PDB file of all heavy atoms in Angstrom:
ATOM      1  N   ALA A   1     -19.339 -16.132 -76.037  1.00  0.00           N
ATOM      2  CA  ALA A   1     -20.452 -16.737 -76.669  1.00  0.00           C
ATOM      3  C   ALA A   1     -20.695 -18.146 -76.093  1.00  0.00           C
ATOM      4  O   ALA A   1     -19.844 -18.979 -75.946  1.00  0.00           O
ATOM      5  CB  ALA A   1     -20.070 -16.915 -78.174  1.00  0.00           C
ATOM      6  N   ALA A   2     -21.957 -18.363 -75.746  1.00  0.00           N
ATOM      7  CA  ALA A   2     -22.442 -19.631 -75.129  1.00  0.00           C
ATOM      8  C   ALA A   2     -23.116 -20.458 -76.193  1.00  0.00           C
ATOM      9  O   ALA A   2     -23.879 -19.962 -77.023  1.00  0.00           O
ATOM     10  CB  ALA A   2     -23.346 -19.308 -73.979  1.00  0.00           C
ATOM     11  N   SER A   3     -22.851 -21.797 -76.096  1.00  0.00           N
ATOM     12  CA  SER A   3     -23.486 -22.722 -77.015  1.00  0.00           C
ATOM     13  C   SER A   3     -23.752 -24.011 -76.250  1.00  0.00           C
ATOM     14  O   SER A   3     -23.310 -24.168 -75.078  1.00  0.00           O
ATOM     15  CB  SER A   3     -22.682 -22.989 -78.270  1.00  0.00           C
ATOM     16  OG  SER A   3     -21.419 -23.549 -77.910  1.00  0.00           O
ATOM     17  N   GLY A   4     -24.451 -24.908 -76.905  1.00  0.00           N
ATOM     18  CA  GLY A   4     -24.800 -26.142 -76.269  1.00  0.00           C
ATOM     19  C   GLY A   4     -26.158 -26.080 -75.605  1.00  0.00           C
ATOM     20  O   GLY A   4     -27.030 -25.392 -76.107  1.00  0.00           O
ATOM     21  N   THR A   5     -26.280 -26.706 -74.477  1.00  0.00           N
ATOM     22  CA  THR A   5     -27.473 -26.718 -73.757  1.00  0.00           C
ATOM     23  C   THR A   5     -27.600 -25.510 -72.849  1.00  0.00           C
ATOM     24  O   THR A   5     -27.337 -25.581 -71.651  1.00  0.00           O
ATOM     25  CB  THR A   5     -27.697 -28.035 -72.898  1.00  0.00           C
ATOM     26  OG1 THR A   5     -27.353 -29.137 -73.765  1.00  0.00           O
ATOM     27  CG2 THR A   5     -29.076 -28.179 -72.382  1.00  0.00           C
ATOM     28  N   ILE A   6     -27.980 -24.341 -73.440  1.00  0.00           N
ATOM     29  CA  ILE A   6     -27.956 -23.104 -72.721  1.00  0.00           C
ATOM     30  C   ILE A   6     -29.204 -22.845 -71.954  1.00  0.00           C
ATOM     31  O   ILE A   6     -29.239 -21.950 -71.094  1.00  0.00           O
ATOM     32  CB  ILE A   6     -27.661 -21.897 -73.640  1.00  0.00           C
ATOM     33  CG1 ILE A   6     -28.739 -21.806 -74.679  1.00  0.00           C
ATOM     34  CG2 ILE A   6     -26.273 -22.071 -74.280  1.00  0.00           C
ATOM     35  CD1 ILE A   6     -28.565 -20.551 -75.570  1.00  0.00           C
ATOM     36  N   PHE A   7     -30.258 -23.608 -72.195  1.00  0.00           N
ATOM     37  CA  PHE A   7     -31.523 -23.415 -71.478  1.00  0.00           C
ATOM     38  C   PHE A   7     -31.227 -23.674 -69.978  1.00  0.00           C
ATOM     39  O   PHE A   7     -30.604 -24.648 -69.608  1.00  0.00           O
ATOM     40  CB  PHE A   7     -32.587 -24.444 -71.937  1.00  0.00           C
ATOM     41  CG  PHE A   7     -33.864 -24.275 -71.105  1.00  0.00           C
ATOM     42  CD1 PHE A   7     -34.760 -23.259 -71.361  1.00  0.00           C
ATOM     43  CD2 PHE A   7     -34.137 -25.201 -70.069  1.00  0.00           C
ATOM     44  CE1 PHE A   7     -35.912 -23.168 -70.639  1.00  0.00           C
ATOM     45  CE2 PHE A   7     -35.286 -25.122 -69.371  1.00  0.00           C
ATOM     46  CZ  PHE A   7     -36.190 -24.103 -69.640  1.00  0.00           C
ATOM     47  N   GLY A   8     -31.721 -22.687 -69.154  1.00  0.00           N
ATOM     48  CA  GLY A   8     -31.566 -22.890 -67.709  1.00  0.00           C
ATOM     49  C   GLY A   8     -30.380 -22.122 -67.125  1.00  0.00           C
ATOM     50  O   GLY A   8     -30.215 -22.047 -65.935  1.00  0.00           O
ATOM     51  N   ILE A   9     -29.535 -21.508 -67.984  1.00  0.00           N
ATOM     52  CA  ILE A   9     -28.485 -20.635 -67.464  1.00  0.00           C
ATOM     53  C   ILE A   9     -29.111 -19.461 -66.726  1.00  0.00           C
ATOM     54  O   ILE A   9     -29.901 -18.734 -67.363  1.00  0.00           O
ATOM     55  CB  ILE A   9     -27.540 -20.158 -68.558  1.00  0.00           C
ATOM     56  CG1 ILE A   9     -26.757 -21.334 -69.203  1.00  0.00           C
ATOM     57  CG2 ILE A   9     -26.565 -19.124 -68.017  1.00  0.00           C
ATOM     58  CD1 ILE A   9     -25.900 -20.903 -70.364  1.00  0.00           C
ATOM     59  N   ASN A  10     -28.778 -19.265 -65.479  1.00  0.00           N
ATOM     60  CA  ASN A  10     -29.401 -18.188 -64.752  1.00  0.00           C
ATOM     61  C   ASN A  10     -28.459 -17.071 -64.370  1.00  0.00           C
ATOM     62  O   ASN A  10     -28.836 -15.932 -64.110  1.00  0.00           O
ATOM     63  CB  ASN A  10     -30.177 -18.660 -63.514  1.00  0.00           C
ATOM     64  CG  ASN A  10     -29.224 -19.421 -62.611  1.00  0.00           C
ATOM     65  OD1 ASN A  10     -28.130 -19.815 -62.930  1.00  0.00           O
ATOM     66  ND2 ASN A  10     -29.738 -19.670 -61.384  1.00  0.00           N
ATOM     67  N   VAL A  11     -27.170 -17.371 -64.373  1.00  0.00           N
ATOM     68  CA  VAL A  11     -26.155 -16.336 -64.057  1.00  0.00           C
ATOM     69  C   VAL A  11     -24.992 -16.501 -65.044  1.00  0.00           C
ATOM     70  O   VAL A  11     -24.559 -17.618 -65.240  1.00  0.00           O
ATOM     71  CB  VAL A  11     -25.622 -16.440 -62.619  1.00  0.00           C
ATOM     72  CG1 VAL A  11     -24.628 -15.291 -62.362  1.00  0.00           C
ATOM     73  CG2 VAL A  11     -26.769 -16.414 -61.647  1.00  0.00           C
ATOM     74  N   MET A  12     -24.552 -15.358 -65.612  1.00  0.00           N
ATOM     75  CA  MET A  12     -23.296 -15.410 -66.370  1.00  0.00           C
ATOM     76  C   MET A  12     -22.386 -14.347 -65.786  1.00  0.00           C
ATOM     77  O   MET A  12     -22.887 -13.328 -65.230  1.00  0.00           O
ATOM     78  CB  MET A  12     -23.602 -15.128 -67.861  1.00  0.00           C
ATOM     79  CG  MET A  12     -24.345 -16.288 -68.477  1.00  0.00           C
ATOM     80  SD  MET A  12     -24.354 -16.225 -70.294  1.00  0.00           S
ATOM     81  CE  MET A  12     -22.660 -16.729 -70.623  1.00  0.00           C
ATOM     82  N   GLY A  13     -21.156 -14.574 -65.901  1.00  0.00           N
ATOM     83  CA  GLY A  13     -20.212 -13.643 -65.325  1.00  0.00           C
ATOM     84  C   GLY A  13     -18.831 -13.698 -65.876  1.00  0.00           C
ATOM     85  O   GLY A  13     -18.531 -14.537 -66.729  1.00  0.00           O
ATOM     86  N   TRP A  14     -17.992 -12.836 -65.360  1.00  0.00           N
ATOM     87  CA  TRP A  14     -16.574 -12.742 -65.688  1.00  0.00           C
ATOM     88  C   TRP A  14     -15.756 -12.814 -64.406  1.00  0.00           C
ATOM     89  O   TRP A  14     -16.110 -12.172 -63.427  1.00  0.00           O
ATOM     90  CB  TRP A  14     -16.268 -11.460 -66.444  1.00  0.00           C
ATOM     91  CG  TRP A  14     -16.818 -11.381 -67.832  1.00  0.00           C
ATOM     92  CD1 TRP A  14     -18.002 -10.825 -68.187  1.00  0.00           C
ATOM     93  CD2 TRP A  14     -16.224 -11.925 -69.009  1.00  0.00           C
ATOM     94  NE1 TRP A  14     -18.164 -10.985 -69.535  1.00  0.00           N
ATOM     95  CE2 TRP A  14     -17.069 -11.620 -70.104  1.00  0.00           C
ATOM     96  CE3 TRP A  14     -14.985 -12.569 -69.296  1.00  0.00           C
ATOM     97  CZ2 TRP A  14     -16.792 -11.968 -71.397  1.00  0.00           C
ATOM     98  CZ3 TRP A  14     -14.716 -12.946 -70.604  1.00  0.00           C
ATOM     99  CH2 TRP A  14     -15.619 -12.644 -71.661  1.00  0.00           C
ATOM    100  N   TYR A  15     -14.714 -13.626 -64.488  1.00  0.00           N
ATOM    101  CA  TYR A  15     -13.780 -13.762 -63.444  1.00  0.00           C
ATOM    102  C   TYR A  15     -12.405 -13.505 -64.022  1.00  0.00           C
ATOM    103  O   TYR A  15     -12.236 -13.543 -65.229  1.00  0.00           O
ATOM    104  CB  TYR A  15     -13.771 -15.165 -62.789  1.00  0.00           C
ATOM    105  CG  TYR A  15     -15.098 -15.416 -62.012  1.00  0.00           C
ATOM    106  CD1 TYR A  15     -16.305 -15.634 -62.697  1.00  0.00           C
ATOM    107  CD2 TYR A  15     -15.044 -15.563 -60.618  1.00  0.00           C
ATOM    108  CE1 TYR A  15     -17.465 -15.871 -61.963  1.00  0.00           C
ATOM    109  CE2 TYR A  15     -16.231 -15.801 -59.905  1.00  0.00           C
ATOM    110  CZ  TYR A  15     -17.395 -15.977 -60.605  1.00  0.00           C
ATOM    111  OH  TYR A  15     -18.533 -16.218 -59.851  1.00  0.00           O
ATOM    112  N   ARG A  16     -11.440 -13.231 -63.160  1.00  0.00           N
ATOM    113  CA  ARG A  16     -10.049 -13.055 -63.625  1.00  0.00           C
ATOM    114  C   ARG A  16      -9.052 -13.650 -62.672  1.00  0.00           C
ATOM    115  O   ARG A  16      -9.310 -13.786 -61.500  1.00  0.00           O
ATOM    116  CB  ARG A  16      -9.758 -11.585 -63.880  1.00  0.00           C
ATOM    117  CG  ARG A  16      -9.708 -10.707 -62.636  1.00  0.00           C
ATOM    118  CD  ARG A  16      -9.532  -9.302 -63.007  1.00  0.00           C
ATOM    119  NE  ARG A  16      -9.464  -8.411 -61.793  1.00  0.00           N
ATOM    120  CZ  ARG A  16      -9.446  -7.099 -61.869  1.00  0.00           C
ATOM    121  NH1 ARG A  16      -9.551  -6.418 -63.015  1.00  0.00           N
ATOM    122  NH2 ARG A  16      -9.391  -6.377 -60.753  1.00  0.00           N
ATOM    123  N   GLN A  17      -7.933 -14.020 -63.243  1.00  0.00           N
ATOM    124  CA  GLN A  17      -6.851 -14.612 -62.452  1.00  0.00           C
ATOM    125  C   GLN A  17      -5.495 -14.030 -62.877  1.00  0.00           C
ATOM    126  O   GLN A  17      -5.112 -14.220 -64.026  1.00  0.00           O
ATOM    127  CB  GLN A  17      -6.805 -16.125 -62.539  1.00  0.00           C
ATOM    128  CG  GLN A  17      -5.840 -16.775 -61.605  1.00  0.00           C
ATOM    129  CD  GLN A  17      -6.104 -18.241 -61.447  1.00  0.00           C
ATOM    130  OE1 GLN A  17      -6.746 -18.862 -62.288  1.00  0.00           O
ATOM    131  NE2 GLN A  17      -5.554 -18.866 -60.427  1.00  0.00           N
ATOM    132  N   ALA A  18      -4.880 -13.318 -61.997  1.00  0.00           N
ATOM    133  CA  ALA A  18      -3.572 -12.745 -62.233  1.00  0.00           C
ATOM    134  C   ALA A  18      -2.481 -13.760 -61.815  1.00  0.00           C
ATOM    135  O   ALA A  18      -2.821 -14.605 -60.956  1.00  0.00           O
ATOM    136  CB  ALA A  18      -3.399 -11.408 -61.542  1.00  0.00           C
ATOM    137  N   PRO A  19      -1.270 -13.675 -62.349  1.00  0.00           N
ATOM    138  CA  PRO A  19      -0.235 -14.615 -61.968  1.00  0.00           C
ATOM    139  C   PRO A  19      -0.010 -14.595 -60.420  1.00  0.00           C
ATOM    140  O   PRO A  19       0.149 -13.559 -59.808  1.00  0.00           O
ATOM    141  CB  PRO A  19       1.005 -14.078 -62.687  1.00  0.00           C
ATOM    142  CG  PRO A  19       0.443 -13.324 -63.876  1.00  0.00           C
ATOM    143  CD  PRO A  19      -0.846 -12.737 -63.395  1.00  0.00           C
ATOM    144  N   GLY A  20       0.043 -15.796 -59.901  1.00  0.00           N
ATOM    145  CA  GLY A  20       0.244 -15.959 -58.452  1.00  0.00           C
ATOM    146  C   GLY A  20      -0.918 -15.623 -57.551  1.00  0.00           C
ATOM    147  O   GLY A  20      -0.768 -15.606 -56.304  1.00  0.00           O
ATOM    148  N   LYS A  21      -2.031 -15.357 -58.144  1.00  0.00           N
ATOM    149  CA  LYS A  21      -3.220 -14.940 -57.351  1.00  0.00           C
ATOM    150  C   LYS A  21      -4.374 -15.864 -57.639  1.00  0.00           C
ATOM    151  O   LYS A  21      -4.441 -16.590 -58.648  1.00  0.00           O
ATOM    152  CB  LYS A  21      -3.656 -13.499 -57.681  1.00  0.00           C
ATOM    153  CG  LYS A  21      -2.625 -12.459 -57.270  1.00  0.00           C
ATOM    154  CD  LYS A  21      -3.180 -11.065 -57.412  1.00  0.00           C
ATOM    155  CE  LYS A  21      -2.185  -9.996 -56.920  1.00  0.00           C
ATOM    156  NZ  LYS A  21      -2.723  -8.614 -57.050  1.00  0.00           N
ATOM    157  N   GLN A  22      -5.310 -15.870 -56.700  1.00  0.00           N
ATOM    158  CA  GLN A  22      -6.547 -16.710 -56.900  1.00  0.00           C
ATOM    159  C   GLN A  22      -7.443 -16.043 -57.906  1.00  0.00           C
ATOM    160  O   GLN A  22      -7.449 -14.856 -58.134  1.00  0.00           O
ATOM    161  CB  GLN A  22      -7.268 -16.885 -55.546  1.00  0.00           C
ATOM    162  CG  GLN A  22      -6.503 -17.747 -54.571  1.00  0.00           C
ATOM    163  CD  GLN A  22      -7.349 -18.045 -53.339  1.00  0.00           C
ATOM    164  OE1 GLN A  22      -8.223 -17.254 -52.909  1.00  0.00           O
ATOM    165  NE2 GLN A  22      -7.171 -19.198 -52.790  1.00  0.00           N
ATOM    166  N   ARG A  23      -8.314 -16.877 -58.524  1.00  0.00           N
ATOM    167  CA  ARG A  23      -9.312 -16.382 -59.428  1.00  0.00           C
ATOM    168  C   ARG A  23     -10.339 -15.564 -58.614  1.00  0.00           C
ATOM    169  O   ARG A  23     -10.737 -15.927 -57.546  1.00  0.00           O
ATOM    170  CB  ARG A  23     -10.011 -17.544 -60.144  1.00  0.00           C
ATOM    171  CG  ARG A  23     -10.927 -17.187 -61.274  1.00  0.00           C
ATOM    172  CD  ARG A  23     -11.371 -18.367 -62.046  1.00  0.00           C
ATOM    173  NE  ARG A  23     -10.289 -19.081 -62.661  1.00  0.00           N
ATOM    174  CZ  ARG A  23     -10.453 -20.107 -63.547  1.00  0.00           C
ATOM    175  NH1 ARG A  23     -11.703 -20.391 -63.874  1.00  0.00           N
ATOM    176  NH2 ARG A  23      -9.426 -20.701 -64.057  1.00  0.00           N
ATOM    177  N   GLU A  24     -10.683 -14.417 -59.180  1.00  0.00           N
ATOM    178  CA  GLU A  24     -11.639 -13.523 -58.442  1.00  0.00           C
ATOM    179  C   GLU A  24     -12.763 -13.076 -59.340  1.00  0.00           C
ATOM    180  O   GLU A  24     -12.594 -13.016 -60.585  1.00  0.00           O
ATOM    181  CB  GLU A  24     -10.893 -12.314 -57.938  1.00  0.00           C
ATOM    182  CG  GLU A  24     -10.263 -11.364 -58.993  1.00  0.00           C
ATOM    183  CD  GLU A  24      -9.641 -10.165 -58.452  1.00  0.00           C
ATOM    184  OE1 GLU A  24      -9.632  -9.958 -57.191  1.00  0.00           O
ATOM    185  OE2 GLU A  24      -9.214  -9.308 -59.299  1.00  0.00           O
ATOM    186  N   LEU A  25     -13.889 -12.780 -58.712  1.00  0.00           N
ATOM    187  CA  LEU A  25     -15.052 -12.320 -59.404  1.00  0.00           C
ATOM    188  C   LEU A  25     -14.777 -10.902 -59.932  1.00  0.00           C
ATOM    189  O   LEU A  25     -14.212 -10.067 -59.271  1.00  0.00           O
ATOM    190  CB  LEU A  25     -16.216 -12.267 -58.448  1.00  0.00           C
ATOM    191  CG  LEU A  25     -17.496 -11.576 -58.897  1.00  0.00           C
ATOM    192  CD1 LEU A  25     -18.199 -12.429 -59.989  1.00  0.00           C
ATOM    193  CD2 LEU A  25     -18.441 -11.271 -57.797  1.00  0.00           C
ATOM    194  N   VAL A  26     -15.199 -10.654 -61.174  1.00  0.00           N
ATOM    195  CA  VAL A  26     -15.161  -9.314 -61.784  1.00  0.00           C
ATOM    196  C   VAL A  26     -16.607  -8.750 -61.843  1.00  0.00           C
ATOM    197  O   VAL A  26     -16.856  -7.715 -61.321  1.00  0.00           O
ATOM    198  CB  VAL A  26     -14.538  -9.327 -63.184  1.00  0.00           C
ATOM    199  CG1 VAL A  26     -14.562  -7.971 -63.800  1.00  0.00           C
ATOM    200  CG2 VAL A  26     -13.126  -9.905 -63.123  1.00  0.00           C
ATOM    201  N   ALA A  27     -17.481  -9.485 -62.479  1.00  0.00           N
ATOM    202  CA  ALA A  27     -18.888  -9.021 -62.633  1.00  0.00           C
ATOM    203  C   ALA A  27     -19.779 -10.213 -62.984  1.00  0.00           C
ATOM    204  O   ALA A  27     -19.332 -11.162 -63.622  1.00  0.00           O
ATOM    205  CB  ALA A  27     -18.937  -7.974 -63.751  1.00  0.00           C
ATOM    206  N   THR A  28     -21.031 -10.086 -62.570  1.00  0.00           N
ATOM    207  CA  THR A  28     -22.035 -11.042 -62.952  1.00  0.00           C
ATOM    208  C   THR A  28     -23.323 -10.331 -63.416  1.00  0.00           C
ATOM    209  O   THR A  28     -23.532  -9.170 -63.073  1.00  0.00           O
ATOM    210  CB  THR A  28     -22.431 -11.999 -61.818  1.00  0.00           C
ATOM    211  OG1 THR A  28     -22.933 -11.242 -60.732  1.00  0.00           O
ATOM    212  CG2 THR A  28     -21.162 -12.782 -61.352  1.00  0.00           C
ATOM    213  N   ILE A  29     -24.100 -11.063 -64.194  1.00  0.00           N
ATOM    214  CA  ILE A  29     -25.395 -10.582 -64.612  1.00  0.00           C
ATOM    215  C   ILE A  29     -26.393 -11.683 -64.526  1.00  0.00           C
ATOM    216  O   ILE A  29     -26.163 -12.813 -64.982  1.00  0.00           O
ATOM    217  CB  ILE A  29     -25.307  -9.954 -66.016  1.00  0.00           C
ATOM    218  CG1 ILE A  29     -26.672  -9.300 -66.395  1.00  0.00           C
ATOM    219  CG2 ILE A  29     -24.893 -11.027 -67.037  1.00  0.00           C
ATOM    220  CD1 ILE A  29     -26.595  -8.457 -67.632  1.00  0.00           C
ATOM    221  N   SER A  30     -27.559 -11.404 -63.966  1.00  0.00           N
ATOM    222  CA  SER A  30     -28.652 -12.378 -63.790  1.00  0.00           C
ATOM    223  C   SER A  30     -29.961 -11.660 -63.904  1.00  0.00           C
ATOM    224  O   SER A  30     -30.280 -10.826 -63.053  1.00  0.00           O
ATOM    225  CB  SER A  30     -28.507 -13.080 -62.458  1.00  0.00           C
ATOM    226  OG  SER A  30     -29.593 -13.984 -62.187  1.00  0.00           O
ATOM    227  N   GLY A  31     -30.718 -11.998 -64.977  1.00  0.00           N
ATOM    228  CA  GLY A  31     -32.003 -11.371 -65.123  1.00  0.00           C
ATOM    229  C   GLY A  31     -31.989  -9.893 -65.208  1.00  0.00           C
ATOM    230  O   GLY A  31     -32.893  -9.222 -64.763  1.00  0.00           O
ATOM    231  N   GLY A  32     -30.911  -9.340 -65.716  1.00  0.00           N
ATOM    232  CA  GLY A  32     -30.754  -7.880 -65.791  1.00  0.00           C
ATOM    233  C   GLY A  32     -30.120  -7.189 -64.572  1.00  0.00           C
ATOM    234  O   GLY A  32     -29.745  -6.068 -64.620  1.00  0.00           O
ATOM    235  N   ILE A  33     -29.911  -7.980 -63.512  1.00  0.00           N
ATOM    236  CA  ILE A  33     -29.338  -7.507 -62.327  1.00  0.00           C
ATOM    237  C   ILE A  33     -27.787  -7.735 -62.428  1.00  0.00           C
ATOM    238  O   ILE A  33     -27.381  -8.835 -62.646  1.00  0.00           O
ATOM    239  CB  ILE A  33     -29.873  -8.110 -61.071  1.00  0.00           C
ATOM    240  CG1 ILE A  33     -31.352  -7.831 -60.970  1.00  0.00           C
ATOM    241  CG2 ILE A  33     -29.115  -7.662 -59.818  1.00  0.00           C
ATOM    242  CD1 ILE A  33     -32.072  -8.538 -59.823  1.00  0.00           C
ATOM    243  N   THR A  34     -27.027  -6.701 -62.230  1.00  0.00           N
ATOM    244  CA  THR A  34     -25.589  -6.772 -62.316  1.00  0.00           C
ATOM    245  C   THR A  34     -24.888  -6.631 -60.985  1.00  0.00           C
ATOM    246  O   THR A  34     -25.431  -6.017 -60.104  1.00  0.00           O
ATOM    247  CB  THR A  34     -25.022  -5.706 -63.276  1.00  0.00           C
ATOM    248  OG1 THR A  34     -25.431  -4.397 -62.853  1.00  0.00           O
ATOM    249  CG2 THR A  34     -25.577  -5.915 -64.706  1.00  0.00           C
TER     250      THR A  34
END
């Protein structure tokens, strides 16, 4: 859930980080494009 000054957000996404590993992209969505 996003709150605050949300106007202008153009991409939202999910990332993940496993122990001992770098954070990595899982998925993004922008204007309906995933």
